[in-house]
Amino acid sequence: MFDKQQLHHLVDQLPESELSAAARYLEFLLSHEAPVDPEMLARIDQARAHRSPGISHDEVLREFGL
């Protein structure tokens, strides 16, 4: 179980490119428009733990000499 300090630490580690998605998700959680399914949250956490960091746009351009 996370406390607010741990969540703040996670947010501080997010890359700039993920801030908008994180904000939308937190707003969704606060909106109470739909019940939060703990099983779905666990699946999201599992998927994020296994995702690839990917390749930056700049790296792709360098690789192709552009």
Foldseek 3Di string as FASTA:
>chain_A
DDDVVVVVVVLVPDDPVCNVVVVVVVVVVVVPPDDDDVVVVVVVVVVVVPDDPDDDPVRVCVVVVD
